[in-house]
C-alpha atoms as a PDB file:
ATOM      1  CA  UNK A   1      -5.160 -25.774 -65.697  1.00  0.00           C
ATOM      2  CA  UNK A   2      -4.406 -29.168 -66.173  1.00  0.00           C
ATOM      3  CA  UNK A   3      -4.171 -31.902 -63.948  1.00  0.00           C
ATOM      4  CA  UNK A   4      -0.499 -33.124 -63.612  1.00  0.00           C
ATOM      5  CA  UNK A   5       0.085 -36.946 -63.714  1.00  0.00           C
ATOM      6  CA  UNK A   6       2.822 -36.569 -60.826  1.00  0.00           C
ATOM      7  CA  UNK A   7       3.132 -34.071 -58.567  1.00  0.00           C
ATOM      8  CA  UNK A   8       5.419 -34.621 -55.943  1.00  0.00           C
ATOM      9  CA  UNK A   9       6.995 -32.440 -52.800  1.00  0.00           C
ATOM     10  CA  UNK A  10      10.707 -33.569 -54.270  1.00  0.00           C
ATOM     11  CA  UNK A  11      12.395 -34.661 -56.781  1.00  0.00           C
ATOM     12  CA  UNK A  12      11.709 -36.992 -59.163  1.00  0.00           C
ATOM     13  CA  UNK A  13      14.127 -39.545 -61.408  1.00  0.00           C
ATOM     14  CA  UNK A  14      12.887 -39.242 -65.490  1.00  0.00           C
ATOM     15  CA  UNK A  15      13.935 -42.817 -66.991  1.00  0.00           C
ATOM     16  CA  UNK A  16      14.489 -42.554 -70.977  1.00  0.00           C
ATOM     17  CA  UNK A  17      15.457 -45.476 -73.254  1.00  0.00           C
ATOM     18  CA  UNK A  18      18.213 -43.687 -74.245  1.00  0.00           C
ATOM     19  CA  UNK A  19      21.590 -45.104 -72.880  1.00  0.00           C
ATOM     20  CA  UNK A  20      21.980 -45.816 -69.343  1.00  0.00           C
ATOM     21  CA  UNK A  21      22.727 -47.777 -66.425  1.00  0.00           C
ATOM     22  CA  UNK A  22      21.720 -49.260 -63.234  1.00  0.00           C
ATOM     23  CA  UNK A  23      23.377 -47.692 -61.490  1.00  0.00           C
ATOM     24  CA  UNK A  24      22.504 -43.853 -63.336  1.00  0.00           C
ATOM     25  CA  UNK A  25      18.874 -45.347 -62.096  1.00  0.00           C
ATOM     26  CA  UNK A  26      20.823 -45.099 -58.006  1.00  0.00           C
ATOM     27  CA  UNK A  27      22.799 -41.926 -58.866  1.00  0.00           C
ATOM     28  CA  UNK A  28      19.460 -40.180 -60.026  1.00  0.00           C
ATOM     29  CA  UNK A  29      17.230 -42.126 -57.030  1.00  0.00           C
ATOM     30  CA  UNK A  30      19.469 -41.015 -54.074  1.00  0.00           C
ATOM     31  CA  UNK A  31      18.240 -37.948 -54.590  1.00  0.00           C
ATOM     32  CA  UNK A  32      15.378 -38.525 -56.296  1.00  0.00           C
ATOM     33  CA  UNK A  33      13.489 -41.211 -54.921  1.00  0.00           C
ATOM     34  CA  UNK A  34      10.185 -41.226 -56.807  1.00  0.00           C
ATOM     35  CA  UNK A  35      10.528 -42.653 -60.752  1.00  0.00           C
ATOM     36  CA  UNK A  36       8.793 -42.035 -63.679  1.00  0.00           C
ATOM     37  CA  UNK A  37       9.651 -43.897 -67.118  1.00  0.00           C
ATOM     38  CA  UNK A  38       8.917 -42.267 -70.417  1.00  0.00           C
ATOM     39  CA  UNK A  39       7.858 -45.183 -72.487  1.00  0.00           C
ATOM     40  CA  UNK A  40      10.634 -47.220 -73.243  1.00  0.00           C
ATOM     41  CA  UNK A  41      12.809 -45.694 -69.755  1.00  0.00           C
ATOM     42  CA  UNK A  42      10.598 -48.436 -68.497  1.00  0.00           C
ATOM     43  CA  UNK A  43      12.947 -51.683 -69.794  1.00  0.00           C
ATOM     44  CA  UNK A  44      15.842 -49.239 -68.234  1.00  0.00           C
ATOM     45  CA  UNK A  45      13.552 -50.073 -64.393  1.00  0.00           C
ATOM     46  CA  UNK A  46      12.700 -53.650 -64.908  1.00  0.00           C
ATOM     47  CA  UNK A  47      16.050 -53.966 -65.617  1.00  0.00           C
ATOM     48  CA  UNK A  48      17.155 -52.176 -62.184  1.00  0.00           C
ATOM     49  CA  UNK A  49      14.513 -53.335 -60.044  1.00  0.00           C
ATOM     50  CA  UNK A  50      12.290 -50.413 -59.445  1.00  0.00           C
ATOM     51  CA  UNK A  51       8.846 -49.365 -59.637  1.00  0.00           C
ATOM     52  CA  UNK A  52       6.963 -47.298 -61.455  1.00  0.00           C
ATOM     53  CA  UNK A  53       4.845 -44.242 -60.355  1.00  0.00           C
ATOM     54  CA  UNK A  54       4.004 -44.219 -63.584  1.00  0.00           C
ATOM     55  CA  UNK A  55       4.939 -44.902 -67.183  1.00  0.00           C
ATOM     56  CA  UNK A  56       4.010 -42.145 -69.497  1.00  0.00           C
ATOM     57  CA  UNK A  57       4.135 -42.321 -73.531  1.00  0.00           C
ATOM     58  CA  UNK A  58       2.576 -43.332 -76.696  1.00  0.00           C
ATOM     59  CA  UNK A  59       4.123 -47.217 -75.359  1.00  0.00           C
ATOM     60  CA  UNK A  60       5.665 -47.465 -79.303  1.00  0.00           C
ATOM     61  CA  UNK A  61       8.426 -48.194 -77.480  1.00  0.00           C
ATOM     62  CA  UNK A  62       8.520 -51.317 -74.600  1.00  0.00           C
ATOM     63  CA  UNK A  63       7.717 -54.590 -74.793  1.00  0.00           C
ATOM     64  CA  UNK A  64       3.971 -55.704 -73.188  1.00  0.00           C
ATOM     65  CA  UNK A  65       5.453 -57.206 -70.702  1.00  0.00           C
ATOM     66  CA  UNK A  66       7.369 -54.804 -69.525  1.00  0.00           C
ATOM     67  CA  UNK A  67       4.678 -52.624 -69.668  1.00  0.00           C
ATOM     68  CA  UNK A  68       2.125 -55.695 -67.642  1.00  0.00           C
ATOM     69  CA  UNK A  69       4.638 -55.017 -64.663  1.00  0.00           C
ATOM     70  CA  UNK A  70       3.273 -51.605 -63.823  1.00  0.00           C
ATOM     71  CA  UNK A  71       0.250 -51.724 -62.202  1.00  0.00           C
ATOM     72  CA  UNK A  72      -2.854 -50.235 -65.177  1.00  0.00           C
ATOM     73  CA  UNK A  73      -3.842 -46.900 -63.525  1.00  0.00           C
ATOM     74  CA  UNK A  74      -0.032 -46.093 -63.473  1.00  0.00           C
ATOM     75  CA  UNK A  75      -0.361 -46.037 -67.172  1.00  0.00           C
ATOM     76  CA  UNK A  76      -0.704 -42.945 -69.093  1.00  0.00           C
ATOM     77  CA  UNK A  77      -1.038 -43.679 -72.689  1.00  0.00           C
ATOM     78  CA  UNK A  78      -0.609 -40.412 -74.365  1.00  0.00           C
ATOM     79  CA  UNK A  79      -1.500 -41.074 -78.198  1.00  0.00           C
ATOM     80  CA  UNK A  80       0.304 -38.353 -80.042  1.00  0.00           C
ATOM     81  CA  UNK A  81       3.285 -37.494 -82.593  1.00  0.00           C
ATOM     82  CA  UNK A  82       3.802 -34.698 -82.269  1.00  0.00           C
ATOM     83  CA  UNK A  83       6.110 -34.515 -79.037  1.00  0.00           C
ATOM     84  CA  UNK A  84       8.600 -37.102 -77.708  1.00  0.00           C
ATOM     85  CA  UNK A  85       8.055 -39.571 -74.944  1.00  0.00           C
ATOM     86  CA  UNK A  86      10.749 -37.210 -72.842  1.00  0.00           C
ATOM     87  CA  UNK A  87       7.817 -34.228 -73.564  1.00  0.00           C
ATOM     88  CA  UNK A  88       5.004 -35.849 -72.147  1.00  0.00           C
ATOM     89  CA  UNK A  89       6.688 -36.990 -69.669  1.00  0.00           C
ATOM     90  CA  UNK A  90       8.039 -34.091 -68.366  1.00  0.00           C
ATOM     91  CA  UNK A  91       5.017 -31.617 -68.820  1.00  0.00           C
ATOM     92  CA  UNK A  92       3.092 -33.905 -66.533  1.00  0.00           C
ATOM     93  CA  UNK A  93       5.593 -33.644 -63.969  1.00  0.00           C
ATOM     94  CA  UNK A  94       4.962 -31.240 -60.923  1.00  0.00           C
ATOM     95  CA  UNK A  95       8.122 -31.486 -58.420  1.00  0.00           C
ATOM     96  CA  UNK A  96      10.491 -28.932 -57.482  1.00  0.00           C
ATOM     97  CA  UNK A  97      13.478 -30.535 -60.359  1.00  0.00           C
ATOM     98  CA  UNK A  98      13.177 -33.966 -61.781  1.00  0.00           C
ATOM     99  CA  UNK A  99      16.549 -35.459 -62.596  1.00  0.00           C
ATOM    100  CA  UNK A 100      16.281 -37.995 -66.249  1.00  0.00           C
ATOM    101  CA  UNK A 101      18.186 -39.830 -66.736  1.00  0.00           C
ATOM    102  CA  UNK A 102      18.353 -41.979 -70.680  1.00  0.00           C
ATOM    103  CA  UNK A 103      18.110 -39.129 -72.480  1.00  0.00           C
ATOM    104  CA  UNK A 104      22.016 -38.351 -73.543  1.00  0.00           C
ATOM    105  CA  UNK A 105      24.535 -40.612 -75.463  1.00  0.00           C
ATOM    106  CA  UNK A 106      23.624 -43.211 -78.102  1.00  0.00           C
ATOM    107  CA  UNK A 107      21.798 -41.692 -81.476  1.00  0.00           C
ATOM    108  CA  UNK A 108      22.313 -37.565 -81.749  1.00  0.00           C
ATOM    109  CA  UNK A 109      19.396 -36.561 -82.017  1.00  0.00           C
ATOM    110  CA  UNK A 110      17.834 -37.940 -79.510  1.00  0.00           C
ATOM    111  CA  UNK A 111      20.098 -35.987 -77.841  1.00  0.00           C
ATOM    112  CA  UNK A 112      18.869 -32.686 -79.593  1.00  0.00           C
ATOM    113  CA  UNK A 113      15.858 -33.870 -79.124  1.00  0.00           C
ATOM    114  CA  UNK A 114      16.260 -33.457 -74.910  1.00  0.00           C
ATOM    115  CA  UNK A 115      17.452 -30.414 -75.851  1.00  0.00           C
ATOM    116  CA  UNK A 116      15.138 -29.133 -77.588  1.00  0.00           C
ATOM    117  CA  UNK A 117      12.397 -30.723 -74.508  1.00  0.00           C
ATOM    118  CA  UNK A 118      14.718 -28.313 -72.070  1.00  0.00           C
ATOM    119  CA  UNK A 119      13.641 -25.224 -74.136  1.00  0.00           C
ATOM    120  CA  UNK A 120       9.944 -25.819 -74.716  1.00  0.00           C
ATOM    121  CA  UNK A 121       9.596 -26.279 -71.308  1.00  0.00           C
ATOM    122  CA  UNK A 122      11.989 -23.855 -69.209  1.00  0.00           C
ATOM    123  CA  UNK A 123       9.563 -23.906 -65.541  1.00  0.00           C
ATOM    124  CA  UNK A 124      10.161 -27.342 -65.248  1.00  0.00           C
ATOM    125  CA  UNK A 125      14.042 -27.596 -63.707  1.00  0.00           C
ATOM    126  CA  UNK A 126      15.494 -30.519 -65.122  1.00  0.00           C
ATOM    127  CA  UNK A 127      18.817 -31.572 -64.833  1.00  0.00           C
ATOM    128  CA  UNK A 128      20.147 -34.666 -66.991  1.00  0.00           C
ATOM    129  CA  UNK A 129      23.143 -37.553 -66.143  1.00  0.00           C
ATOM    130  CA  UNK A 130      25.240 -38.627 -68.836  1.00  0.00           C
ATOM    131  CA  UNK A 131      27.739 -40.939 -68.558  1.00  0.00           C
ATOM    132  CA  UNK A 132      30.493 -37.833 -67.458  1.00  0.00           C
ATOM    133  CA  UNK A 133      28.501 -35.326 -67.492  1.00  0.00           C
ATOM    134  CA  UNK A 134      25.449 -33.426 -66.303  1.00  0.00           C
ATOM    135  CA  UNK A 135      22.958 -31.032 -68.511  1.00  0.00           C
ATOM    136  CA  UNK A 136      20.399 -28.659 -67.621  1.00  0.00           C
ATOM    137  CA  UNK A 137      19.055 -25.449 -68.382  1.00  0.00           C
ATOM    138  CA  UNK A 138      20.125 -22.160 -66.561  1.00  0.00           C
ATOM    139  CA  UNK A 139      17.778 -20.464 -65.248  1.00  0.00           C
ATOM    140  CA  UNK A 140      17.661 -16.924 -64.867  1.00  0.00           C
ATOM    141  CA  UNK A 141      20.414 -16.616 -61.788  1.00  0.00           C
ATOM    142  CA  UNK A 142      22.461 -19.488 -60.309  1.00  0.00           C
ATOM    143  CA  UNK A 143      25.756 -19.945 -57.574  1.00  0.00           C
ATOM    144  CA  UNK A 144      27.752 -23.361 -57.899  1.00  0.00           C
ATOM    145  CA  UNK A 145      30.545 -24.110 -54.886  1.00  0.00           C
ATOM    146  CA  UNK A 146      32.951 -25.330 -58.240  1.00  0.00           C
ATOM    147  CA  UNK A 147      36.363 -25.628 -57.932  1.00  0.00           C
ATOM    148  CA  UNK A 148      39.121 -24.249 -59.937  1.00  0.00           C
ATOM    149  CA  UNK A 149      39.880 -26.581 -63.473  1.00  0.00           C
ATOM    150  CA  UNK A 150      36.664 -27.515 -63.692  1.00  0.00           C
ATOM    151  CA  UNK A 151      34.938 -27.612 -67.020  1.00  0.00           C
ATOM    152  CA  UNK A 152      31.612 -25.394 -67.346  1.00  0.00           C
ATOM    153  CA  UNK A 153      30.210 -25.721 -71.078  1.00  0.00           C
ATOM    154  CA  UNK A 154      28.535 -23.205 -72.114  1.00  0.00           C
ATOM    155  CA  UNK A 155      25.753 -23.490 -75.490  1.00  0.00           C
ATOM    156  CA  UNK A 156      23.130 -21.494 -76.282  1.00  0.00           C
ATOM    157  CA  UNK A 157      19.942 -22.730 -78.103  1.00  0.00           C
ATOM    158  CA  UNK A 158      19.410 -19.211 -79.259  1.00  0.00           C
ATOM    159  CA  UNK A 159      20.724 -15.619 -79.580  1.00  0.00           C
ATOM    160  CA  UNK A 160      20.711 -14.356 -75.589  1.00  0.00           C
ATOM    161  CA  UNK A 161      23.117 -12.824 -72.830  1.00  0.00           C
ATOM    162  CA  UNK A 162      23.801 -13.047 -69.359  1.00  0.00           C
ATOM    163  CA  UNK A 163      26.729 -12.768 -66.907  1.00  0.00           C
ATOM    164  CA  UNK A 164      28.949 -14.200 -65.226  1.00  0.00           C
ATOM    165  CA  UNK A 165      32.067 -14.597 -62.700  1.00  0.00           C
ATOM    166  CA  UNK A 166      34.330 -17.502 -61.396  1.00  0.00           C
ATOM    167  CA  UNK A 167      34.777 -18.182 -65.291  1.00  0.00           C
ATOM    168  CA  UNK A 168      38.290 -18.455 -66.844  1.00  0.00           C
ATOM    169  CA  UNK A 169      36.296 -16.769 -69.822  1.00  0.00           C
ATOM    170  CA  UNK A 170      33.463 -14.151 -68.597  1.00  0.00           C
ATOM    171  CA  UNK A 171      30.544 -13.945 -70.419  1.00  0.00           C
ATOM    172  CA  UNK A 172      29.543 -10.176 -69.294  1.00  0.00           C
ATOM    173  CA  UNK A 173      28.947  -7.817 -72.436  1.00  0.00           C
ATOM    174  CA  UNK A 174      28.720 -10.738 -75.136  1.00  0.00           C
ATOM    175  CA  UNK A 175      26.237 -11.634 -77.335  1.00  0.00           C
ATOM    176  CA  UNK A 176      26.035 -15.234 -77.374  1.00  0.00           C
ATOM    177  CA  UNK A 177      24.594 -17.479 -79.978  1.00  0.00           C
ATOM    178  CA  UNK A 178      24.289 -20.871 -81.784  1.00  0.00           C
ATOM    179  CA  UNK A 179      25.106 -19.517 -85.213  1.00  0.00           C
ATOM    180  CA  UNK A 180      28.318 -16.830 -83.093  1.00  0.00           C
ATOM    181  CA  UNK A 181      30.258 -16.516 -80.357  1.00  0.00           C
ATOM    182  CA  UNK A 182      29.694 -20.040 -77.440  1.00  0.00           C
ATOM    183  CA  UNK A 183      31.602 -20.442 -74.495  1.00  0.00           C
ATOM    184  CA  UNK A 184      32.019 -23.793 -74.732  1.00  0.00           C
ATOM    185  CA  UNK A 185      35.330 -25.916 -72.666  1.00  0.00           C
ATOM    186  CA  UNK A 186      35.050 -22.865 -70.244  1.00  0.00           C
ATOM    187  CA  UNK A 187      36.338 -23.162 -66.929  1.00  0.00           C
ATOM    188  CA  UNK A 188      35.799 -22.175 -62.863  1.00  0.00           C
ATOM    189  CA  UNK A 189      38.409 -20.576 -60.990  1.00  0.00           C
ATOM    190  CA  UNK A 190      35.830 -21.065 -58.362  1.00  0.00           C
ATOM    191  CA  UNK A 191      32.608 -21.234 -57.158  1.00  0.00           C
ATOM    192  CA  UNK A 192      30.707 -19.452 -59.664  1.00  0.00           C
ATOM    193  CA  UNK A 193      27.287 -17.631 -60.051  1.00  0.00           C
ATOM    194  CA  UNK A 194      25.502 -16.722 -63.770  1.00  0.00           C
ATOM    195  CA  UNK A 195      23.032 -15.221 -64.933  1.00  0.00           C
ATOM    196  CA  UNK A 196      21.025 -15.310 -67.859  1.00  0.00           C
ATOM    197  CA  UNK A 197      18.522 -12.873 -69.568  1.00  0.00           C
ATOM    198  CA  UNK A 198      16.327 -15.873 -71.349  1.00  0.00           C
ATOM    199  CA  UNK A 199      15.948 -19.174 -70.857  1.00  0.00           C
ATOM    200  CA  UNK A 200      18.120 -21.162 -73.642  1.00  0.00           C
ATOM    201  CA  UNK A 201      21.367 -21.498 -72.466  1.00  0.00           C
ATOM    202  CA  UNK A 202      22.528 -25.290 -71.940  1.00  0.00           C
ATOM    203  CA  UNK A 203      25.342 -25.380 -69.071  1.00  0.00           C
ATOM    204  CA  UNK A 204      27.273 -28.885 -68.762  1.00  0.00           C
ATOM    205  CA  UNK A 205      29.074 -29.847 -65.545  1.00  0.00           C
ATOM    206  CA  UNK A 206      31.178 -32.531 -64.614  1.00  0.00           C
ATOM    207  CA  UNK A 207      28.599 -35.119 -63.505  1.00  0.00           C
ATOM    208  CA  UNK A 208      30.380 -35.275 -59.672  1.00  0.00           C
ATOM    209  CA  UNK A 209      27.494 -31.869 -59.310  1.00  0.00           C
ATOM    210  CA  UNK A 210      24.663 -33.936 -60.000  1.00  0.00           C
ATOM    211  CA  UNK A 211      23.644 -33.485 -56.424  1.00  0.00           C
ATOM    212  CA  UNK A 212      24.601 -30.185 -55.770  1.00  0.00           C
ATOM    213  CA  UNK A 213      23.057 -28.948 -59.790  1.00  0.00           C
ATOM    214  CA  UNK A 214      19.739 -30.697 -58.324  1.00  0.00           C
ATOM    215  CA  UNK A 215      19.763 -29.239 -54.654  1.00  0.00           C
ATOM    216  CA  UNK A 216      20.284 -25.296 -56.551  1.00  0.00           C
ATOM    217  CA  UNK A 217      17.300 -26.048 -58.494  1.00  0.00           C
ATOM    218  CA  UNK A 218      15.463 -27.125 -56.149  1.00  0.00           C
ATOM    219  CA  UNK A 219      16.559 -23.932 -53.431  1.00  0.00           C
ATOM    220  CA  UNK A 220      16.072 -21.559 -56.025  1.00  0.00           C
ATOM    221  CA  UNK A 221      13.567 -18.819 -55.092  1.00  0.00           C
ATOM    222  CA  UNK A 222      11.241 -17.973 -57.270  1.00  0.00           C
ATOM    223  CA  UNK A 223      12.850 -15.486 -59.207  1.00  0.00           C
ATOM    224  CA  UNK A 224      15.609 -17.951 -60.137  1.00  0.00           C
ATOM    225  CA  UNK A 225      13.011 -19.951 -62.063  1.00  0.00           C
ATOM    226  CA  UNK A 226      11.574 -19.330 -65.321  1.00  0.00           C
ATOM    227  CA  UNK A 227       7.974 -19.245 -65.569  1.00  0.00           C
ATOM    228  CA  UNK A 228       6.149 -20.907 -67.958  1.00  0.00           C
ATOM    229  CA  UNK A 229       5.411 -18.408 -70.063  1.00  0.00           C
ATOM    230  CA  UNK A 230       9.027 -18.547 -71.331  1.00  0.00           C
ATOM    231  CA  UNK A 231       9.348 -21.060 -72.784  1.00  0.00           C
ATOM    232  CA  UNK A 232       7.467 -18.933 -76.005  1.00  0.00           C
ATOM    233  CA  UNK A 233      11.392 -18.057 -76.797  1.00  0.00           C
ATOM    234  CA  UNK A 234      11.073 -14.101 -78.290  1.00  0.00           C
ATOM    235  CA  UNK A 235      14.859 -13.130 -79.535  1.00  0.00           C
ATOM    236  CA  UNK A 236      15.937 -10.431 -77.415  1.00  0.00           C
ATOM    237  CA  UNK A 237      17.325  -8.891 -80.747  1.00  0.00           C
ATOM    238  CA  UNK A 238      13.648  -8.458 -82.050  1.00  0.00           C
ATOM    239  CA  UNK A 239      12.380  -6.481 -78.645  1.00  0.00           C
END
């Protein structure tokens, strides 16, 4: 097994080079005080006055003077160009959960790449913080104390199915597919429960659920977590 760059018993904040604010950094670090930057995320850390436990990436998006703010032993250069800096960082963090800041907003291609990383590493519980929402890959099972009227958007990144309770439009019995039926703009009628048969469902909730989602991911038992091998997605219709 490869040695992780960051090993933490508590959640970790991971900063990216996308759209984010100091307020976003503060919100994440209140829940996840260990802070890591994915390449250009070091610029956001410098702006927020945050000391980094590590900078991980190919270092093509961070100024040399910014990189120099982090001691050399905490700089981890990964030169390959087959993965994004988010991927390079996330796969090298062993923590109960990761809060990603600076991976949503701005360029759409970067946002889509971030969702691809979540799908590629389902065993790395990670919630992305945006300007108005939080985004994460749904685990095999989870419960959240949402309230009636809350927007709950579900978007499958591959063919799959699942069950739900507490949604205005339940997903039980549906064949969900990014090229077919999805469940965006759904709504809670109260607390929700979700189960998924494959690690392919992206969940979007209001931003105020950052703490609740992070805690749910941290406290999930092994049966409610995806194993690493689940990242090798197999179309259930081909089983």
